[in-house]
Every structure is written in structure tokens, then in C-alpha cells.
PDB file of N, CA and C in Angstrom:
ATOM      1  N   MET A   1      57.793 -37.061 -12.377  1.00  0.00           N
ATOM      2  CA  MET A   1      56.821 -36.052 -12.756  1.00  0.00           C
ATOM      3  C   MET A   1      57.539 -34.773 -13.199  1.00  0.00           C
ATOM      4  N   ARG A   2      58.584 -34.436 -12.470  1.00  0.00           N
ATOM      5  CA  ARG A   2      59.335 -33.221 -12.801  1.00  0.00           C
ATOM      6  C   ARG A   2      59.941 -33.335 -14.207  1.00  0.00           C
ATOM      7  N   GLU A   3      60.485 -34.526 -14.509  1.00  0.00           N
ATOM      8  CA  GLU A   3      61.080 -34.723 -15.834  1.00  0.00           C
ATOM      9  C   GLU A   3      60.022 -34.583 -16.926  1.00  0.00           C
ATOM     10  N   LEU A   4      58.848 -35.110 -16.679  1.00  0.00           N
ATOM     11  CA  LEU A   4      57.764 -35.011 -17.658  1.00  0.00           C
ATOM     12  C   LEU A   4      57.382 -33.546 -17.890  1.00  0.00           C
ATOM     13  N   GLU A   5      57.315 -32.777 -16.822  1.00  0.00           N
ATOM     14  CA  GLU A   5      57.003 -31.349 -16.951  1.00  0.00           C
ATOM     15  C   GLU A   5      58.076 -30.628 -17.757  1.00  0.00           C
ATOM     16  N   GLN A   6      59.344 -30.983 -17.527  1.00  0.00           N
ATOM     17  CA  GLN A   6      60.440 -30.358 -18.272  1.00  0.00           C
ATOM     18  C   GLN A   6      60.370 -30.716 -19.759  1.00  0.00           C
ATOM     19  N   LEU A   7      60.021 -31.966 -20.039  1.00  0.00           N
ATOM     20  CA  LEU A   7      59.884 -32.378 -21.438  1.00  0.00           C
ATOM     21  C   LEU A   7      58.776 -31.595 -22.133  1.00  0.00           C
ATOM     22  N   VAL A   8      57.658 -31.445 -21.451  1.00  0.00           N
ATOM     23  CA  VAL A   8      56.533 -30.695 -22.026  1.00  0.00           C
ATOM     24  C   VAL A   8      56.938 -29.249 -22.269  1.00  0.00           C
ATOM     25  N   ASP A   9      57.614 -28.645 -21.295  1.00  0.00           N
ATOM     26  CA  ASP A   9      58.067 -27.258 -21.462  1.00  0.00           C
ATOM     27  C   ASP A   9      58.978 -27.123 -22.676  1.00  0.00           C
ATOM     28  N   SER A  10      59.912 -28.061 -22.825  1.00  0.00           N
ATOM     29  CA  SER A  10      60.834 -28.021 -23.966  1.00  0.00           C
ATOM     30  C   SER A  10      60.083 -28.144 -25.286  1.00  0.00           C
ATOM     31  N   LEU A  11      59.118 -29.041 -25.321  1.00  0.00           N
ATOM     32  CA  LEU A  11      58.336 -29.218 -26.547  1.00  0.00           C
ATOM     33  C   LEU A  11      57.501 -27.975 -26.856  1.00  0.00           C
ATOM     34  N   GLU A  12      56.948 -27.364 -25.820  1.00  0.00           N
ATOM     35  CA  GLU A  12      56.104 -26.182 -26.026  1.00  0.00           C
ATOM     36  C   GLU A  12      56.908 -24.966 -26.481  1.00  0.00           C
ATOM     37  N   ASN A  13      58.185 -24.900 -26.086  1.00  0.00           N
ATOM     38  CA  ASN A  13      59.027 -23.769 -26.490  1.00  0.00           C
ATOM     39  C   ASN A  13      59.259 -23.754 -27.994  1.00  0.00           C
ATOM     40  N   GLY A  14      59.274 -24.923 -28.618  1.00  0.00           N
ATOM     41  CA  GLY A  14      59.434 -24.988 -30.067  1.00  0.00           C
ATOM     42  C   GLY A  14      60.848 -24.783 -30.561  1.00  0.00           C
ATOM     43  N   ASP A  15      61.836 -24.831 -29.672  1.00  0.00           N
ATOM     44  CA  ASP A  15      63.226 -24.604 -30.068  1.00  0.00           C
ATOM     45  C   ASP A  15      63.979 -25.891 -30.386  1.00  0.00           C
ATOM     46  N   LEU A  16      63.308 -27.031 -30.334  1.00  0.00           N
ATOM     47  CA  LEU A  16      63.962 -28.312 -30.561  1.00  0.00           C
ATOM     48  C   LEU A  16      63.920 -28.683 -32.039  1.00  0.00           C
ATOM     49  N   THR A  17      64.898 -29.488 -32.442  1.00  0.00           N
ATOM     50  CA  THR A  17      64.852 -30.044 -33.788  1.00  0.00           C
ATOM     51  C   THR A  17      63.771 -31.120 -33.826  1.00  0.00           C
ATOM     52  N   LEU A  18      63.465 -31.574 -35.014  1.00  0.00           N
ATOM     53  CA  LEU A  18      62.472 -32.630 -35.153  1.00  0.00           C
ATOM     54  C   LEU A  18      62.918 -33.881 -34.408  1.00  0.00           C
ATOM     55  N   GLU A  19      64.179 -34.240 -34.547  1.00  0.00           N
ATOM     56  CA  GLU A  19      64.703 -35.428 -33.873  1.00  0.00           C
ATOM     57  C   GLU A  19      64.626 -35.283 -32.351  1.00  0.00           C
ATOM     58  N   GLN A  20      64.973 -34.108 -31.849  1.00  0.00           N
ATOM     59  CA  GLN A  20      64.905 -33.858 -30.409  1.00  0.00           C
ATOM     60  C   GLN A  20      63.452 -33.903 -29.929  1.00  0.00           C
ATOM     61  N   SER A  21      62.571 -33.326 -30.720  1.00  0.00           N
ATOM     62  CA  SER A  21      61.151 -33.333 -30.362  1.00  0.00           C
ATOM     63  C   SER A  21      60.616 -34.755 -30.289  1.00  0.00           C
ATOM     64  N   LEU A  22      60.978 -35.579 -31.260  1.00  0.00           N
ATOM     65  CA  LEU A  22      60.531 -36.972 -31.255  1.00  0.00           C
ATOM     66  C   LEU A  22      61.090 -37.730 -30.056  1.00  0.00           C
ATOM     67  N   ALA A  23      62.355 -37.489 -29.737  1.00  0.00           N
ATOM     68  CA  ALA A  23      62.968 -38.149 -28.577  1.00  0.00           C
ATOM     69  C   ALA A  23      62.285 -37.706 -27.286  1.00  0.00           C
ATOM     70  N   HIS A  24      61.992 -36.413 -27.168  1.00  0.00           N
ATOM     71  CA  HIS A  24      61.295 -35.905 -25.985  1.00  0.00           C
ATOM     72  C   HIS A  24      59.887 -36.494 -25.894  1.00  0.00           C
ATOM     73  N   PHE A  25      59.212 -36.561 -27.032  1.00  0.00           N
ATOM     74  CA  PHE A  25      57.863 -37.117 -27.055  1.00  0.00           C
ATOM     75  C   PHE A  25      57.879 -38.581 -26.637  1.00  0.00           C
ATOM     76  N   GLU A  26      58.825 -39.340 -27.173  1.00  0.00           N
ATOM     77  CA  GLU A  26      58.928 -40.760 -26.831  1.00  0.00           C
ATOM     78  C   GLU A  26      59.192 -40.942 -25.340  1.00  0.00           C
ATOM     79  N   ARG A  27      60.092 -40.150 -24.794  1.00  0.00           N
ATOM     80  CA  ARG A  27      60.385 -40.236 -23.356  1.00  0.00           C
ATOM     81  C   ARG A  27      59.149 -39.834 -22.548  1.00  0.00           C
ATOM     82  N   GLY A  28      58.433 -38.831 -23.000  1.00  0.00           N
ATOM     83  CA  GLY A  28      57.220 -38.397 -22.311  1.00  0.00           C
ATOM     84  C   GLY A  28      56.155 -39.481 -22.276  1.00  0.00           C
ATOM     85  N   VAL A  29      55.992 -40.189 -23.387  1.00  0.00           N
ATOM     86  CA  VAL A  29      55.029 -41.290 -23.436  1.00  0.00           C
ATOM     87  C   VAL A  29      55.437 -42.377 -22.451  1.00  0.00           C
ATOM     88  N   SER A  30      56.726 -42.683 -22.408  1.00  0.00           N
ATOM     89  CA  SER A  30      57.229 -43.701 -21.479  1.00  0.00           C
ATOM     90  C   SER A  30      56.977 -43.293 -20.024  1.00  0.00           C
ATOM     91  N   LEU A  31      57.273 -42.047 -19.699  1.00  0.00           N
ATOM     92  CA  LEU A  31      57.047 -41.561 -18.332  1.00  0.00           C
ATOM     93  C   LEU A  31      55.561 -41.552 -17.984  1.00  0.00           C
ATOM     94  N   THR A  32      54.728 -41.200 -18.948  1.00  0.00           N
ATOM     95  CA  THR A  32      53.283 -41.196 -18.721  1.00  0.00           C
ATOM     96  C   THR A  32      52.785 -42.595 -18.392  1.00  0.00           C
ATOM     97  N   ARG A  33      53.302 -43.594 -19.089  1.00  0.00           N
ATOM     98  CA  ARG A  33      52.903 -44.982 -18.812  1.00  0.00           C
ATOM     99  C   ARG A  33      53.342 -45.407 -17.415  1.00  0.00           C
ATOM    100  N   ILE A  34      54.537 -45.008 -17.021  1.00  0.00           N
ATOM    101  CA  ILE A  34      55.023 -45.326 -15.673  1.00  0.00           C
ATOM    102  C   ILE A  34      54.122 -44.675 -14.627  1.00  0.00           C
ATOM    103  N   CYS A  35      53.786 -43.407 -14.841  1.00  0.00           N
ATOM    104  CA  CYS A  35      52.900 -42.695 -13.910  1.00  0.00           C
ATOM    105  C   CYS A  35      51.529 -43.360 -13.845  1.00  0.00           C
ATOM    106  N   GLN A  36      51.006 -43.780 -14.986  1.00  0.00           N
ATOM    107  CA  GLN A  36      49.691 -44.419 -15.017  1.00  0.00           C
ATOM    108  C   GLN A  36      49.705 -45.729 -14.243  1.00  0.00           C
ATOM    109  N   LYS A  37      50.783 -46.498 -14.366  1.00  0.00           N
ATOM    110  CA  LYS A  37      50.896 -47.749 -13.613  1.00  0.00           C
ATOM    111  C   LYS A  37      50.906 -47.476 -12.111  1.00  0.00           C
ATOM    112  N   SER A  38      51.611 -46.421 -11.700  1.00  0.00           N
ATOM    113  CA  SER A  38      51.641 -46.058 -10.283  1.00  0.00           C
ATOM    114  C   SER A  38      50.263 -45.631  -9.800  1.00  0.00           C
ATOM    115  N   LEU A  39      49.566 -44.852 -10.608  1.00  0.00           N
ATOM    116  CA  LEU A  39      48.210 -44.433 -10.244  1.00  0.00           C
ATOM    117  C   LEU A  39      47.260 -45.623 -10.168  1.00  0.00           C
ATOM    118  N   ASP A  40      47.384 -46.551 -11.103  1.00  0.00           N
ATOM    119  CA  ASP A  40      46.535 -47.747 -11.085  1.00  0.00           C
ATOM    120  C   ASP A  40      46.779 -48.572  -9.825  1.00  0.00           C
ATOM    121  N   ALA A  41      48.055 -48.718  -9.439  1.00  0.00           N
ATOM    122  CA  ALA A  41      48.384 -49.477  -8.231  1.00  0.00           C
ATOM    123  C   ALA A  41      47.824 -48.785  -6.994  1.00  0.00           C
ATOM    124  N   ALA A  42      47.932 -47.458  -6.947  1.00  0.00           N
ATOM    125  CA  ALA A  42      47.386 -46.707  -5.814  1.00  0.00           C
ATOM    126  C   ALA A  42      45.868 -46.849  -5.756  1.00  0.00           C
ATOM    127  N   GLN A  43      45.208 -46.812  -6.908  1.00  0.00           N
ATOM    128  CA  GLN A  43      43.755 -46.966  -6.951  1.00  0.00           C
ATOM    129  C   GLN A  43      43.339 -48.341  -6.453  1.00  0.00           C
ATOM    130  N   GLN A  44      44.089 -49.371  -6.814  1.00  0.00           N
ATOM    131  CA  GLN A  44      43.782 -50.721  -6.342  1.00  0.00           C
ATOM    132  C   GLN A  44      43.896 -50.803  -4.825  1.00  0.00           C
ATOM    133  N   LYS A  45      44.910 -50.149  -4.257  1.00  0.00           N
ATOM    134  CA  LYS A  45      45.070 -50.144  -2.802  1.00  0.00           C
ATOM    135  C   LYS A  45      43.903 -49.431  -2.132  1.00  0.00           C
ATOM    136  N   VAL A  46      43.508 -48.292  -2.693  1.00  0.00           N
ATOM    137  CA  VAL A  46      42.373 -47.546  -2.137  1.00  0.00           C
ATOM    138  C   VAL A  46      41.113 -48.394  -2.204  1.00  0.00           C
ATOM    139  N   ASP A  47      40.874 -49.020  -3.351  1.00  0.00           N
ATOM    140  CA  ASP A  47      39.692 -49.873  -3.499  1.00  0.00           C
ATOM    141  C   ASP A  47      39.706 -51.010  -2.486  1.00  0.00           C
ATOM    142  N   MET A  48      40.870 -51.622  -2.288  1.00  0.00           N
ATOM    143  CA  MET A  48      40.984 -52.726  -1.346  1.00  0.00           C
ATOM    144  C   MET A  48      40.707 -52.248   0.082  1.00  0.00           C
ATOM    145  N   LEU A  49      41.247 -51.087   0.441  1.00  0.00           N
ATOM    146  CA  LEU A  49      41.015 -50.548   1.779  1.00  0.00           C
ATOM    147  C   LEU A  49      39.548 -50.189   1.984  1.00  0.00           C
ATOM    148  N   LEU A  50      38.927 -49.622   0.965  1.00  0.00           N
ATOM    149  CA  LEU A  50      37.510 -49.282   1.085  1.00  0.00           C
ATOM    150  C   LEU A  50      36.656 -50.534   1.203  1.00  0.00           C
ATOM    151  N   ASP A  51      36.990 -51.574   0.450  1.00  0.00           N
ATOM    152  CA  ASP A  51      36.248 -52.835   0.543  1.00  0.00           C
ATOM    153  C   ASP A  51      36.406 -53.456   1.919  1.00  0.00           C
ATOM    154  N   ALA A  52      37.596 -53.368   2.499  1.00  0.00           N
ATOM    155  CA  ALA A  52      37.848 -53.947   3.819  1.00  0.00           C
ATOM    156  C   ALA A  52      37.133 -53.163   4.912  1.00  0.00           C
ATOM    157  N   GLY A  53      36.793 -51.910   4.633  1.00  0.00           N
ATOM    158  CA  GLY A  53      36.148 -51.073   5.638  1.00  0.00           C
ATOM    159  C   GLY A  53      34.645 -51.039   5.549  1.00  0.00           C
ATOM    160  N   THR A  54      34.049 -51.984   4.816  1.00  0.00           N
ATOM    161  CA  THR A  54      32.598 -52.031   4.701  1.00  0.00           C
ATOM    162  C   THR A  54      32.094 -53.412   5.079  1.00  0.00           C
ATOM    163  N   ASP A  55      30.839 -53.457   5.529  1.00  0.00           N
ATOM    164  CA  ASP A  55      30.236 -54.755   5.848  1.00  0.00           C
ATOM    165  C   ASP A  55      29.598 -55.336   4.589  1.00  0.00           C
ATOM    166  N   SER A  56      28.883 -56.438   4.729  1.00  0.00           N
ATOM    167  CA  SER A  56      28.312 -57.115   3.557  1.00  0.00           C
ATOM    168  C   SER A  56      27.259 -56.278   2.840  1.00  0.00           C
ATOM    169  N   ASP A  57      26.682 -55.284   3.537  1.00  0.00           N
ATOM    170  CA  ASP A  57      25.692 -54.400   2.920  1.00  0.00           C
ATOM    171  C   ASP A  57      26.325 -53.166   2.295  1.00  0.00           C
ATOM    172  N   GLY A  58      27.652 -53.064   2.360  1.00  0.00           N
ATOM    173  CA  GLY A  58      28.340 -51.906   1.812  1.00  0.00           C
ATOM    174  C   GLY A  58      28.398 -50.728   2.754  1.00  0.00           C
ATOM    175  N   GLU A  59      27.949 -50.914   3.998  1.00  0.00           N
ATOM    176  CA  GLU A  59      27.984 -49.842   4.990  1.00  0.00           C
ATOM    177  C   GLU A  59      29.371 -49.770   5.618  1.00  0.00           C
ATOM    178  N   LEU A  60      29.826 -48.545   5.876  1.00  0.00           N
ATOM    179  CA  LEU A  60      31.116 -48.379   6.543  1.00  0.00           C
ATOM    180  C   LEU A  60      31.040 -48.922   7.958  1.00  0.00           C
ATOM    181  N   VAL A  61      32.117 -49.533   8.404  1.00  0.00           N
ATOM    182  CA  VAL A  61      32.185 -50.032   9.775  1.00  0.00           C
ATOM    183  C   VAL A  61      33.275 -49.273  10.510  1.00  0.00           C
ATOM    184  N   GLU A  62      33.115 -49.168  11.819  1.00  0.00           N
ATOM    185  CA  GLU A  62      34.122 -48.517  12.640  1.00  0.00           C
ATOM    186  C   GLU A  62      35.414 -49.312  12.579  1.00  0.00           C
ATOM    187  N   PHE A  63      36.537 -48.635  12.673  1.00  0.00           N
ATOM    188  CA  PHE A  63      37.834 -49.295  12.605  1.00  0.00           C
ATOM    189  C   PHE A  63      37.961 -50.371  13.669  1.00  0.00           C
ATOM    190  N   ASN A  64      37.534 -50.095  14.906  1.00  0.00           N
ATOM    191  CA  ASN A  64      37.619 -51.085  15.980  1.00  0.00           C
ATOM    192  C   ASN A  64      36.755 -52.303  15.678  1.00  0.00           C
ATOM    193  N   ASP A  65      35.569 -52.073  15.109  1.00  0.00           N
ATOM    194  CA  ASP A  65      34.699 -53.187  14.738  1.00  0.00           C
ATOM    195  C   ASP A  65      35.354 -54.042  13.663  1.00  0.00           C
ATOM    196  N   LEU A  66      36.042 -53.393  12.727  1.00  0.00           N
ATOM    197  CA  LEU A  66      36.725 -54.109  11.659  1.00  0.00           C
ATOM    198  C   LEU A  66      37.832 -54.976  12.233  1.00  0.00           C
ATOM    199  N   ASN A  67      38.626 -54.435  13.154  1.00  0.00           N
ATOM    200  CA  ASN A  67      39.702 -55.210  13.773  1.00  0.00           C
ATOM    201  C   ASN A  67      39.151 -56.393  14.547  1.00  0.00           C
ATOM    202  N   ASN A  68      38.063 -56.186  15.279  1.00  0.00           N
ATOM    203  CA  ASN A  68      37.462 -57.272  16.046  1.00  0.00           C
ATOM    204  C   ASN A  68      36.928 -58.364  15.128  1.00  0.00           C
ATOM    205  N   ALA A  69      36.337 -57.970  14.008  1.00  0.00           N
ATOM    206  CA  ALA A  69      35.803 -58.959  13.073  1.00  0.00           C
ATOM    207  C   ALA A  69      36.925 -59.790  12.470  1.00  0.00           C
ATOM    208  N   GLU A  70      38.056 -59.158  12.174  1.00  0.00           N
ATOM    209  CA  GLU A  70      39.184 -59.886  11.603  1.00  0.00           C
ATOM    210  C   GLU A  70      39.791 -60.841  12.617  1.00  0.00           C
ATOM    211  N   ASP A  71      39.748 -60.470  13.898  1.00  0.00           N
ATOM    212  CA  ASP A  71      40.304 -61.310  14.956  1.00  0.00           C
ATOM    213  C   ASP A  71      39.325 -62.390  15.393  1.00  0.00           C
ATOM    214  N   GLY A  72      38.114 -62.342  14.860  1.00  0.00           N
ATOM    215  CA  GLY A  72      37.094 -63.293  15.286  1.00  0.00           C
ATOM    216  C   GLY A  72      36.454 -62.901  16.592  1.00  0.00           C
ATOM    217  N   ASN A  73      36.643 -61.668  17.011  1.00  0.00           N
ATOM    218  CA  ASN A  73      36.134 -61.166  18.279  1.00  0.00           C
ATOM    219  C   ASN A  73      35.098 -60.100  17.976  1.00  0.00           C
ATOM    220  N   ASN A  74      33.839 -60.418  18.153  1.00  0.00           N
ATOM    221  CA  ASN A  74      32.772 -59.473  17.848  1.00  0.00           C
ATOM    222  C   ASN A  74      32.145 -58.870  19.089  1.00  0.00           C
ATOM    223  N   ASP A  75      32.788 -58.964  20.253  1.00  0.00           N
ATOM    224  CA  ASP A  75      32.183 -58.435  21.472  1.00  0.00           C
ATOM    225  C   ASP A  75      32.498 -56.964  21.694  1.00  0.00           C
ATOM    226  N   GLY A  76      33.216 -56.281  20.737  1.00  0.00           N
ATOM    227  CA  GLY A  76      33.467 -54.854  20.829  1.00  0.00           C
ATOM    228  C   GLY A  76      34.580 -54.479  21.768  1.00  0.00           C
ATOM    229  N   GLN A  77      35.323 -55.439  22.292  1.00  0.00           N
ATOM    230  CA  GLN A  77      36.405 -55.102  23.216  1.00  0.00           C
ATOM    231  C   GLN A  77      37.733 -55.225  22.550  1.00  0.00           C
TER     232      GLN A  77
END
């Protein structure tokens, strides 16, 4: 992320040659794609955790209830 910010700053300053600007832009696009993949993976994890924390009606369940259901133990202990 820091590198992407530095690239943007360099491009915004306007002191680069055309070739340097294109190289910075290309690197920025590459870094943006990497960041997007990381965000997509994080979103999938969040979605999976939220799905695991709801019952069949979409209602949130208590963490202990969720653990008991996964263990096949529904007596709340």
C-alpha cells in the first residue's frame, strides 16, 4: 500500500518523464490488482464467518450454541 501511495505521489508531482510515468502507472495497476485480490479473499472469509454464525432462518446464533451445533451437542453445555 505504501508503494502505491508513493507511486501516486510521484505521478501527481508531474516531474516524471513520459516513460517513467508509464512505468509508475503500470506498477500501480499491478499493485492495485494485488490489493483487490487480498480484499476479495478477506471478504470471502468474512462472508463465510457470517454464514457460519447464523441459523437456517438467517438469525445470528450465540457462539456457544454454534460450537455445540458443530459438535452435535445441542443441550447448551
